[in-house]
Amino acid sequence: MESKQLKHFLAVAEHQHFTLAAKALHIAQPALSISIKKFEQQLGVDLFRREDRQVTLTDEGKVLLEHAKRVQQQIDDAQLAIDELKGLEKGEVRLGAPSMMGSYFFPQVLMAFKLRYPNLKLTLVDAGTESIRQMLLDGDLDIGVINNDHVPDDLEVDHLFDTEMVAVVGKEHELAGQKSLSFEQFFQHELIMFKPGYFHREYIEKKAAQHGTEMRFSFETNLLPMILSIVQHEFAITALLKLVTEHEPSVVGIPFDEPVKLSLALAWRKDGYLSIADRTFIDFVKQYA
């Protein structure tokens, strides 16, 4: 089994099409087909079902896929380590952060980091903490901000800071003057919430189930400015980090009677290779926080 064979296999599995995979690999389609056929003969199993123009993984192919992803990631990490020993830097930090962190915490951090290290590229991916966990495990991100609770064994974490989730309403909303809010009261109102994959959405859904009530959804979006605008105009209420309400005078944050505390952490793969840029960024963020 050679690394080139795994690379070809992964490309076909991703694109589910030999021609598209060949274009992505910058090789001829017949050469890719021959490579995959020889690989299947070597393994003694069919890796793909070839039906008309559609290509799908067989059960054997699905098993190999998980191993192939890990092996390819380790090969990429090894190449990166050697490049840095030769004096080359990766030059990029791929960071995953929820939209609230990306909007109110990281802009200042990223600008300060870029000012100090102008030659490094910073890529910020907006996603929910659950999605970020999976992207880290898949090697799609170098570093991510996740909820520091029930962390997978394959991830290393470093505590960032503690915060709280609060109900958020417009300044003139009937609830705006309350010191705290029960979940029963919260669920009596129209809601605008993040889509699944965000901790806030999943936590609120769990609370609704515990209280035996259905959430009254008016809107569902991952666009934070839209959420704030709708809440500000009192079409719905929501739940966000206290960090947001501290920066947005047009809305009011109300703690829940049952306080919802969150511990946020920077995370990365335990078996992954952290470049010089990644390690420098982690240290920088810890100092800033």
C-alpha atoms as a PDB file:
ATOM      1  CA  MET A   1       0.000   0.000   0.000  1.00  0.00           C
ATOM      2  CA  GLU A   2       1.547   3.287  -1.135  1.00  0.00           C
ATOM      3  CA  SER A   3       0.742   6.852  -0.129  1.00  0.00           C
ATOM      4  CA  LYS A   4      -0.083   7.687  -3.764  1.00  0.00           C
ATOM      5  CA  GLN A   5      -2.711   4.961  -3.830  1.00  0.00           C
ATOM      6  CA  LEU A   6      -4.318   6.315  -0.675  1.00  0.00           C
ATOM      7  CA  LYS A   7      -4.274   9.827  -2.115  1.00  0.00           C
ATOM      8  CA  HIS A   8      -6.006   8.626  -5.278  1.00  0.00           C
ATOM      9  CA  PHE A   9      -8.535   6.636  -3.245  1.00  0.00           C
ATOM     10  CA  LEU A  10      -9.364   9.655  -1.041  1.00  0.00           C
ATOM     11  CA  ALA A  11      -9.854  11.904  -4.072  1.00  0.00           C
ATOM     12  CA  VAL A  12     -12.352   9.520  -5.700  1.00  0.00           C
ATOM     13  CA  ALA A  13     -14.144   9.018  -2.369  1.00  0.00           C
ATOM     14  CA  GLU A  14     -14.453  12.785  -1.934  1.00  0.00           C
ATOM     15  CA  HIS A  15     -15.612  13.655  -5.445  1.00  0.00           C
ATOM     16  CA  GLN A  16     -17.564  10.423  -6.107  1.00  0.00           C
ATOM     17  CA  HIS A  17     -16.504  10.825  -9.726  1.00  0.00           C
ATOM     18  CA  PHE A  18     -13.337   9.659 -11.485  1.00  0.00           C
ATOM     19  CA  THR A  19     -13.101  12.600 -13.891  1.00  0.00           C
ATOM     20  CA  LEU A  20     -13.541  15.229 -11.176  1.00  0.00           C
ATOM     21  CA  ALA A  21     -11.078  13.431  -8.917  1.00  0.00           C
ATOM     22  CA  ALA A  22      -8.530  13.244 -11.738  1.00  0.00           C
ATOM     23  CA  LYS A  23      -8.854  16.994 -12.345  1.00  0.00           C
ATOM     24  CA  ALA A  24      -8.316  17.679  -8.648  1.00  0.00           C
ATOM     25  CA  LEU A  25      -5.210  15.471  -8.684  1.00  0.00           C
ATOM     26  CA  HIS A  26      -3.977  16.974 -11.979  1.00  0.00           C
ATOM     27  CA  ILE A  27      -3.648  13.562 -13.633  1.00  0.00           C
ATOM     28  CA  ALA A  28      -5.399  11.900 -16.561  1.00  0.00           C
ATOM     29  CA  GLN A  29      -8.664  10.102 -15.801  1.00  0.00           C
ATOM     30  CA  PRO A  30      -7.543   6.775 -17.349  1.00  0.00           C
ATOM     31  CA  ALA A  31      -4.403   6.833 -15.194  1.00  0.00           C
ATOM     32  CA  LEU A  32      -6.519   7.329 -12.076  1.00  0.00           C
ATOM     33  CA  SER A  33      -8.869   4.499 -13.030  1.00  0.00           C
ATOM     34  CA  ILE A  34      -5.919   2.159 -13.552  1.00  0.00           C
ATOM     35  CA  SER A  35      -4.382   3.202 -10.226  1.00  0.00           C
ATOM     36  CA  ILE A  36      -7.626   2.471  -8.345  1.00  0.00           C
ATOM     37  CA  LYS A  37      -8.116  -0.853 -10.139  1.00  0.00           C
ATOM     38  CA  LYS A  38      -4.581  -1.987  -9.255  1.00  0.00           C
ATOM     39  CA  PHE A  39      -5.164  -0.890  -5.651  1.00  0.00           C
ATOM     40  CA  GLU A  40      -8.351  -2.970  -5.474  1.00  0.00           C
ATOM     41  CA  GLN A  41      -6.560  -5.979  -6.961  1.00  0.00           C
ATOM     42  CA  GLN A  42      -3.755  -5.581  -4.428  1.00  0.00           C
ATOM     43  CA  LEU A  43      -6.231  -5.469  -1.533  1.00  0.00           C
ATOM     44  CA  GLY A  44      -8.444  -8.187  -2.978  1.00  0.00           C
ATOM     45  CA  VAL A  45     -11.666  -6.165  -2.535  1.00  0.00           C
ATOM     46  CA  ASP A  46     -13.760  -3.676  -4.478  1.00  0.00           C
ATOM     47  CA  LEU A  47     -13.515  -0.197  -2.962  1.00  0.00           C
ATOM     48  CA  PHE A  48     -16.113   1.500  -5.170  1.00  0.00           C
ATOM     49  CA  ARG A  49     -19.436   0.686  -6.797  1.00  0.00           C
ATOM     50  CA  ARG A  50     -19.418   1.985 -10.354  1.00  0.00           C
ATOM     51  CA  GLU A  51     -22.983   2.639 -11.447  1.00  0.00           C
ATOM     52  CA  ASP A  52     -23.392   4.692 -14.635  1.00  0.00           C
ATOM     53  CA  ARG A  53     -21.580   7.962 -13.833  1.00  0.00           C
ATOM     54  CA  GLN A  54     -21.965   7.680 -10.083  1.00  0.00           C
ATOM     55  CA  VAL A  55     -19.242   6.232  -7.877  1.00  0.00           C
ATOM     56  CA  THR A  56     -19.990   5.217  -4.283  1.00  0.00           C
ATOM     57  CA  LEU A  57     -17.966   3.468  -1.597  1.00  0.00           C
ATOM     58  CA  THR A  58     -18.493  -0.204  -0.875  1.00  0.00           C
ATOM     59  CA  ASP A  59     -18.564  -1.388   2.745  1.00  0.00           C
ATOM     60  CA  GLU A  60     -14.863  -2.242   2.396  1.00  0.00           C
ATOM     61  CA  GLY A  61     -14.211   1.211   0.983  1.00  0.00           C
ATOM     62  CA  LYS A  62     -15.956   2.867   3.932  1.00  0.00           C
ATOM     63  CA  VAL A  63     -13.724   0.969   6.367  1.00  0.00           C
ATOM     64  CA  LEU A  64     -10.576   1.969   4.463  1.00  0.00           C
ATOM     65  CA  LEU A  65     -11.714   5.605   4.254  1.00  0.00           C
ATOM     66  CA  GLU A  66     -11.358   6.275   7.986  1.00  0.00           C
ATOM     67  CA  HIS A  67      -7.857   4.749   8.076  1.00  0.00           C
ATOM     68  CA  ALA A  68      -6.800   6.499   4.870  1.00  0.00           C
ATOM     69  CA  LYS A  69      -7.790   9.924   6.237  1.00  0.00           C
ATOM     70  CA  ARG A  70      -5.645   9.425   9.336  1.00  0.00           C
ATOM     71  CA  VAL A  71      -2.676   8.102   7.366  1.00  0.00           C
ATOM     72  CA  GLN A  72      -2.822  10.977   4.860  1.00  0.00           C
ATOM     73  CA  GLN A  73      -3.018  13.505   7.689  1.00  0.00           C
ATOM     74  CA  GLN A  74       0.070  11.970   9.310  1.00  0.00           C
ATOM     75  CA  ILE A  75       1.917  12.103   5.991  1.00  0.00           C
ATOM     76  CA  ASP A  76       1.004  15.788   5.603  1.00  0.00           C
ATOM     77  CA  ASP A  77       2.127  16.473   9.176  1.00  0.00           C
ATOM     78  CA  ALA A  78       5.436  14.707   8.567  1.00  0.00           C
ATOM     79  CA  GLN A  79       6.086  16.754   5.423  1.00  0.00           C
ATOM     80  CA  LEU A  80       5.304  19.941   7.321  1.00  0.00           C
ATOM     81  CA  ALA A  81       7.713  19.012  10.122  1.00  0.00           C
ATOM     82  CA  ILE A  82      10.515  18.347   7.625  1.00  0.00           C
ATOM     83  CA  ASP A  83       9.805  21.615   5.792  1.00  0.00           C
ATOM     84  CA  GLU A  84      10.131  23.558   9.015  1.00  0.00           C
ATOM     85  CA  LEU A  85      13.404  21.845   9.856  1.00  0.00           C
ATOM     86  CA  LYS A  86      14.643  23.105   6.495  1.00  0.00           C
ATOM     87  CA  GLY A  87      13.740  26.623   7.546  1.00  0.00           C
ATOM     88  CA  LEU A  88      10.320  26.805   5.900  1.00  0.00           C
ATOM     89  CA  GLU A  89       7.217  27.873   7.795  1.00  0.00           C
ATOM     90  CA  LYS A  90       3.674  26.827   7.164  1.00  0.00           C
ATOM     91  CA  GLY A  91       2.757  30.479   7.206  1.00  0.00           C
ATOM     92  CA  GLU A  92      -0.927  29.872   7.984  1.00  0.00           C
ATOM     93  CA  VAL A  93      -3.102  29.395  11.042  1.00  0.00           C
ATOM     94  CA  ARG A  94      -6.491  27.784  10.384  1.00  0.00           C
ATOM     95  CA  LEU A  95      -8.714  28.731  13.313  1.00  0.00           C
ATOM     96  CA  GLY A  96     -12.291  27.668  13.959  1.00  0.00           C
ATOM     97  CA  ALA A  97     -14.436  29.832  16.232  1.00  0.00           C
ATOM     98  CA  PRO A  98     -18.161  30.320  16.909  1.00  0.00           C
ATOM     99  CA  SER A  99     -19.576  33.493  15.384  1.00  0.00           C
ATOM    100  CA  MET A 100     -19.886  35.245  18.747  1.00  0.00           C
ATOM    101  CA  MET A 101     -16.194  34.688  19.490  1.00  0.00           C
ATOM    102  CA  GLY A 102     -15.295  35.565  15.924  1.00  0.00           C
ATOM    103  CA  SER A 103     -17.214  38.838  16.142  1.00  0.00           C
ATOM    104  CA  TYR A 104     -16.304  40.106  19.598  1.00  0.00           C
ATOM    105  CA  PHE A 105     -13.130  38.408  20.836  1.00  0.00           C
ATOM    106  CA  PHE A 106     -10.928  37.438  17.930  1.00  0.00           C
ATOM    107  CA  PRO A 107     -10.913  40.573  15.703  1.00  0.00           C
ATOM    108  CA  GLN A 108      -8.634  42.392  18.151  1.00  0.00           C
ATOM    109  CA  VAL A 109      -6.552  39.270  18.707  1.00  0.00           C
ATOM    110  CA  LEU A 110      -6.111  38.595  14.995  1.00  0.00           C
ATOM    111  CA  MET A 111      -5.207  42.182  14.188  1.00  0.00           C
ATOM    112  CA  ALA A 112      -2.656  42.315  17.006  1.00  0.00           C
ATOM    113  CA  PHE A 113      -1.190  38.969  15.915  1.00  0.00           C
ATOM    114  CA  LYS A 114      -1.015  40.058  12.258  1.00  0.00           C
ATOM    115  CA  LEU A 115       0.690  43.286  13.281  1.00  0.00           C
ATOM    116  CA  ARG A 116       3.404  41.331  15.076  1.00  0.00           C
ATOM    117  CA  TYR A 117       3.706  38.559  12.455  1.00  0.00           C
ATOM    118  CA  PRO A 118       2.792  40.218   9.109  1.00  0.00           C
ATOM    119  CA  ASN A 119       3.978  37.310   6.937  1.00  0.00           C
ATOM    120  CA  LEU A 120       1.628  34.736   8.460  1.00  0.00           C
ATOM    121  CA  LYS A 121      -1.787  34.045   6.951  1.00  0.00           C
ATOM    122  CA  LEU A 122      -4.804  33.753   9.253  1.00  0.00           C
ATOM    123  CA  THR A 123      -7.911  31.854   8.186  1.00  0.00           C
ATOM    124  CA  LEU A 124     -10.952  32.090  10.480  1.00  0.00           C
ATOM    125  CA  VAL A 125     -13.736  29.545   9.992  1.00  0.00           C
ATOM    126  CA  ASP A 126     -17.126  30.364  11.541  1.00  0.00           C
ATOM    127  CA  ALA A 127     -18.837  27.256  12.949  1.00  0.00           C
ATOM    128  CA  GLY A 128     -20.507  25.885  16.062  1.00  0.00           C
ATOM    129  CA  THR A 129     -18.345  24.281  18.733  1.00  0.00           C
ATOM    130  CA  GLU A 130     -19.659  20.784  17.923  1.00  0.00           C
ATOM    131  CA  SER A 131     -18.815  21.243  14.255  1.00  0.00           C
ATOM    132  CA  ILE A 132     -15.391  22.638  15.180  1.00  0.00           C
ATOM    133  CA  ARG A 133     -14.618  19.530  17.238  1.00  0.00           C
ATOM    134  CA  GLN A 134     -15.246  17.328  14.220  1.00  0.00           C
ATOM    135  CA  MET A 135     -13.272  19.604  11.880  1.00  0.00           C
ATOM    136  CA  LEU A 136     -10.300  19.391  14.241  1.00  0.00           C
ATOM    137  CA  LEU A 137     -10.508  15.605  14.348  1.00  0.00           C
ATOM    138  CA  ASP A 138     -10.742  15.486  10.541  1.00  0.00           C
ATOM    139  CA  GLY A 139      -7.676  17.736  10.160  1.00  0.00           C
ATOM    140  CA  ASP A 140      -9.667  20.532   8.483  1.00  0.00           C
ATOM    141  CA  LEU A 141      -8.610  22.997  11.204  1.00  0.00           C
ATOM    142  CA  ASP A 142      -5.361  23.470  13.119  1.00  0.00           C
ATOM    143  CA  ILE A 143      -6.867  25.137  16.198  1.00  0.00           C
ATOM    144  CA  GLY A 144     -10.439  25.647  17.358  1.00  0.00           C
ATOM    145  CA  VAL A 145     -12.479  27.151  20.158  1.00  0.00           C
ATOM    146  CA  ILE A 146     -14.686  24.506  21.775  1.00  0.00           C
ATOM    147  CA  ASN A 147     -16.754  24.020  24.885  1.00  0.00           C
ATOM    148  CA  ASN A 148     -14.367  22.542  27.466  1.00  0.00           C
ATOM    149  CA  ASP A 149     -16.735  19.751  28.438  1.00  0.00           C
ATOM    150  CA  HIS A 150     -16.711  16.084  27.419  1.00  0.00           C
ATOM    151  CA  VAL A 151     -13.687  16.719  25.218  1.00  0.00           C
ATOM    152  CA  PRO A 152     -12.812  13.795  22.885  1.00  0.00           C
ATOM    153  CA  ASP A 153      -9.664  11.892  23.850  1.00  0.00           C
ATOM    154  CA  ASP A 154      -8.082  12.773  20.496  1.00  0.00           C
ATOM    155  CA  LEU A 155      -8.071  16.495  21.307  1.00  0.00           C
ATOM    156  CA  GLU A 156      -5.703  18.528  23.478  1.00  0.00           C
ATOM    157  CA  VAL A 157      -7.218  21.587  25.184  1.00  0.00           C
ATOM    158  CA  ASP A 158      -6.010  24.722  26.940  1.00  0.00           C
ATOM    159  CA  HIS A 159      -8.547  26.745  28.940  1.00  0.00           C
ATOM    160  CA  LEU A 160      -9.323  30.140  27.422  1.00  0.00           C
ATOM    161  CA  PHE A 161     -11.915  31.788  29.655  1.00  0.00           C
ATOM    162  CA  ASP A 162     -15.254  31.245  31.404  1.00  0.00           C
ATOM    163  CA  THR A 163     -18.475  32.914  30.304  1.00  0.00           C
ATOM    164  CA  GLU A 164     -22.241  32.598  30.621  1.00  0.00           C
ATOM    165  CA  MET A 165     -25.172  32.075  28.287  1.00  0.00           C
ATOM    166  CA  VAL A 166     -28.015  34.549  28.856  1.00  0.00           C
ATOM    167  CA  ALA A 167     -31.426  35.242  27.388  1.00  0.00           C
ATOM    168  CA  VAL A 168     -31.285  38.218  25.012  1.00  0.00           C
ATOM    169  CA  VAL A 169     -34.212  40.558  24.345  1.00  0.00           C
ATOM    170  CA  GLY A 170     -34.814  44.014  22.868  1.00  0.00           C
ATOM    171  CA  LYS A 171     -34.440  47.046  25.149  1.00  0.00           C
ATOM    172  CA  GLU A 172     -38.195  47.720  25.143  1.00  0.00           C
ATOM    173  CA  HIS A 173     -39.239  44.079  25.444  1.00  0.00           C
ATOM    174  CA  GLU A 174     -41.578  43.166  28.313  1.00  0.00           C
ATOM    175  CA  LEU A 175     -38.843  40.973  29.812  1.00  0.00           C
ATOM    176  CA  ALA A 176     -36.085  43.591  29.591  1.00  0.00           C
ATOM    177  CA  GLY A 177     -36.457  44.782  33.198  1.00  0.00           C
ATOM    178  CA  GLN A 178     -36.218  41.357  34.815  1.00  0.00           C
ATOM    179  CA  LYS A 179     -33.169  40.446  36.891  1.00  0.00           C
ATOM    180  CA  SER A 180     -33.380  36.786  35.867  1.00  0.00           C
ATOM    181  CA  LEU A 181     -35.513  34.556  33.682  1.00  0.00           C
ATOM    182  CA  SER A 182     -36.839  31.021  34.014  1.00  0.00           C
ATOM    183  CA  PHE A 183     -36.746  28.629  31.105  1.00  0.00           C
ATOM    184  CA  GLU A 184     -40.557  28.365  31.354  1.00  0.00           C
ATOM    185  CA  GLN A 185     -40.796  32.103  30.652  1.00  0.00           C
ATOM    186  CA  PHE A 186     -38.190  31.877  27.904  1.00  0.00           C
ATOM    187  CA  PHE A 187     -40.113  29.182  26.024  1.00  0.00           C
ATOM    188  CA  GLN A 188     -43.318  31.234  26.087  1.00  0.00           C
ATOM    189  CA  HIS A 189     -41.838  33.603  23.496  1.00  0.00           C
ATOM    190  CA  GLU A 190     -40.997  33.389  19.808  1.00  0.00           C
ATOM    191  CA  LEU A 191     -37.356  32.398  19.365  1.00  0.00           C
ATOM    192  CA  ILE A 192     -34.600  33.001  16.854  1.00  0.00           C
ATOM    193  CA  MET A 193     -31.793  30.469  17.257  1.00  0.00           C
ATOM    194  CA  PHE A 194     -28.614  29.219  15.646  1.00  0.00           C
ATOM    195  CA  LYS A 195     -28.850  26.124  13.472  1.00  0.00           C
ATOM    196  CA  PRO A 196     -27.865  22.670  14.835  1.00  0.00           C
ATOM    197  CA  GLY A 197     -24.137  22.292  15.531  1.00  0.00           C
ATOM    198  CA  TYR A 198     -24.016  25.219  17.937  1.00  0.00           C
ATOM    199  CA  PHE A 199     -23.876  24.590  21.681  1.00  0.00           C
ATOM    200  CA  HIS A 200     -26.574  27.198  22.325  1.00  0.00           C
ATOM    201  CA  ARG A 201     -29.052  25.488  20.022  1.00  0.00           C
ATOM    202  CA  GLU A 202     -28.445  22.021  21.436  1.00  0.00           C
ATOM    203  CA  TYR A 203     -28.550  23.219  25.038  1.00  0.00           C
ATOM    204  CA  ILE A 204     -31.853  25.054  24.539  1.00  0.00           C
ATOM    205  CA  GLU A 205     -33.334  22.022  22.758  1.00  0.00           C
ATOM    206  CA  LYS A 206     -32.307  19.827  25.698  1.00  0.00           C
ATOM    207  CA  LYS A 207     -33.914  22.257  28.161  1.00  0.00           C
ATOM    208  CA  ALA A 208     -37.117  22.335  26.121  1.00  0.00           C
ATOM    209  CA  ALA A 209     -37.274  18.538  26.242  1.00  0.00           C
ATOM    210  CA  GLN A 210     -36.673  18.547  30.001  1.00  0.00           C
ATOM    211  CA  HIS A 211     -39.519  21.010  30.491  1.00  0.00           C
ATOM    212  CA  GLY A 212     -41.813  19.096  28.146  1.00  0.00           C
ATOM    213  CA  THR A 213     -42.366  22.050  25.832  1.00  0.00           C
ATOM    214  CA  GLU A 214     -41.833  22.789  22.170  1.00  0.00           C
ATOM    215  CA  MET A 215     -39.724  25.724  21.042  1.00  0.00           C
ATOM    216  CA  ARG A 216     -41.610  28.362  19.086  1.00  0.00           C
ATOM    217  CA  PHE A 217     -39.243  29.116  16.216  1.00  0.00           C
ATOM    218  CA  SER A 218     -39.734  32.287  14.218  1.00  0.00           C
ATOM    219  CA  PHE A 219     -36.277  32.279  12.664  1.00  0.00           C
ATOM    220  CA  GLU A 220     -33.246  30.019  12.368  1.00  0.00           C
ATOM    221  CA  THR A 221     -29.900  31.377  11.138  1.00  0.00           C
ATOM    222  CA  ASN A 222     -26.169  31.369  11.871  1.00  0.00           C
ATOM    223  CA  LEU A 223     -25.895  35.052  10.906  1.00  0.00           C
ATOM    224  CA  LEU A 224     -25.295  36.881  14.178  1.00  0.00           C
ATOM    225  CA  PRO A 225     -26.096  40.390  12.801  1.00  0.00           C
ATOM    226  CA  MET A 226     -29.488  39.087  11.633  1.00  0.00           C
ATOM    227  CA  ILE A 227     -30.178  37.520  15.037  1.00  0.00           C
ATOM    228  CA  LEU A 228     -29.347  40.793  16.792  1.00  0.00           C
ATOM    229  CA  SER A 229     -31.458  42.854  14.394  1.00  0.00           C
ATOM    230  CA  ILE A 230     -34.510  40.627  14.825  1.00  0.00           C
ATOM    231  CA  VAL A 231     -34.142  40.664  18.618  1.00  0.00           C
ATOM    232  CA  GLN A 232     -33.589  44.432  18.626  1.00  0.00           C
ATOM    233  CA  HIS A 233     -36.846  44.936  16.711  1.00  0.00           C
ATOM    234  CA  GLU A 234     -38.590  42.550  19.123  1.00  0.00           C
ATOM    235  CA  PHE A 235     -39.730  39.973  16.582  1.00  0.00           C
ATOM    236  CA  ALA A 236     -38.173  37.255  18.750  1.00  0.00           C
ATOM    237  CA  ILE A 237     -35.788  36.596  21.639  1.00  0.00           C
ATOM    238  CA  THR A 238     -32.726  34.364  21.787  1.00  0.00           C
ATOM    239  CA  ALA A 239     -29.883  33.047  23.951  1.00  0.00           C
ATOM    240  CA  LEU A 240     -26.296  34.221  23.426  1.00  0.00           C
ATOM    241  CA  LEU A 241     -23.026  34.615  25.287  1.00  0.00           C
ATOM    242  CA  LYS A 242     -22.949  37.436  27.815  1.00  0.00           C
ATOM    243  CA  LEU A 243     -19.957  38.673  25.806  1.00  0.00           C
ATOM    244  CA  VAL A 244     -22.341  39.789  23.043  1.00  0.00           C
ATOM    245  CA  THR A 245     -24.643  41.851  25.258  1.00  0.00           C
ATOM    246  CA  GLU A 246     -21.635  43.622  26.751  1.00  0.00           C
ATOM    247  CA  HIS A 247     -20.842  44.989  23.285  1.00  0.00           C
ATOM    248  CA  GLU A 248     -24.385  45.548  21.947  1.00  0.00           C
ATOM    249  CA  PRO A 249     -26.305  48.366  23.703  1.00  0.00           C
ATOM    250  CA  SER A 250     -29.388  47.734  21.547  1.00  0.00           C
ATOM    251  CA  VAL A 251     -30.197  44.459  23.357  1.00  0.00           C
ATOM    252  CA  VAL A 252     -30.450  43.327  26.976  1.00  0.00           C
ATOM    253  CA  GLY A 253     -28.963  40.164  28.476  1.00  0.00           C
ATOM    254  CA  ILE A 254     -30.920  38.437  31.245  1.00  0.00           C
ATOM    255  CA  PRO A 255     -29.331  35.593  33.269  1.00  0.00           C
ATOM    256  CA  PHE A 256     -31.346  32.396  33.556  1.00  0.00           C
ATOM    257  CA  ASP A 257     -32.610  31.351  36.991  1.00  0.00           C
ATOM    258  CA  GLU A 258     -30.521  28.238  36.423  1.00  0.00           C
ATOM    259  CA  PRO A 259     -27.185  29.893  35.436  1.00  0.00           C
ATOM    260  CA  VAL A 260     -25.680  28.453  32.242  1.00  0.00           C
ATOM    261  CA  LYS A 261     -21.919  28.618  32.692  1.00  0.00           C
ATOM    262  CA  LEU A 262     -19.540  27.776  29.861  1.00  0.00           C
ATOM    263  CA  SER A 263     -15.841  27.066  29.876  1.00  0.00           C
ATOM    264  CA  LEU A 264     -14.248  27.762  26.504  1.00  0.00           C
ATOM    265  CA  ALA A 265     -10.897  26.345  25.441  1.00  0.00           C
ATOM    266  CA  LEU A 266      -8.478  26.311  22.545  1.00  0.00           C
ATOM    267  CA  ALA A 267      -8.212  22.805  21.135  1.00  0.00           C
ATOM    268  CA  TRP A 268      -6.061  20.894  18.653  1.00  0.00           C
ATOM    269  CA  ARG A 269      -5.428  17.264  17.697  1.00  0.00           C
ATOM    270  CA  LYS A 270      -3.233  15.345  20.133  1.00  0.00           C
ATOM    271  CA  ASP A 271      -1.579  13.349  17.364  1.00  0.00           C
ATOM    272  CA  GLY A 272      -1.463  16.273  14.947  1.00  0.00           C
ATOM    273  CA  TYR A 273       1.557  18.377  14.121  1.00  0.00           C
ATOM    274  CA  LEU A 274       1.381  21.982  15.310  1.00  0.00           C
ATOM    275  CA  SER A 275       3.453  24.271  13.119  1.00  0.00           C
ATOM    276  CA  ILE A 276       5.577  27.083  14.485  1.00  0.00           C
ATOM    277  CA  ALA A 277       2.800  29.483  13.428  1.00  0.00           C
ATOM    278  CA  ASP A 278       0.164  27.446  15.281  1.00  0.00           C
ATOM    279  CA  ARG A 279       2.186  27.235  18.495  1.00  0.00           C
ATOM    280  CA  THR A 280       2.994  30.945  18.334  1.00  0.00           C
ATOM    281  CA  PHE A 281      -0.670  31.794  17.861  1.00  0.00           C
ATOM    282  CA  ILE A 282      -1.770  29.653  20.827  1.00  0.00           C
ATOM    283  CA  ASP A 283       0.762  31.364  23.098  1.00  0.00           C
ATOM    284  CA  PHE A 284      -0.301  34.774  21.785  1.00  0.00           C
ATOM    285  CA  VAL A 285      -4.003  34.152  22.437  1.00  0.00           C
ATOM    286  CA  LYS A 286      -3.335  32.878  25.967  1.00  0.00           C
ATOM    287  CA  GLN A 287      -1.393  36.043  26.765  1.00  0.00           C
ATOM    288  CA  TYR A 288      -4.121  38.216  25.257  1.00  0.00           C
ATOM    289  CA  ALA A 289      -6.932  36.434  27.129  1.00  0.00           C
END
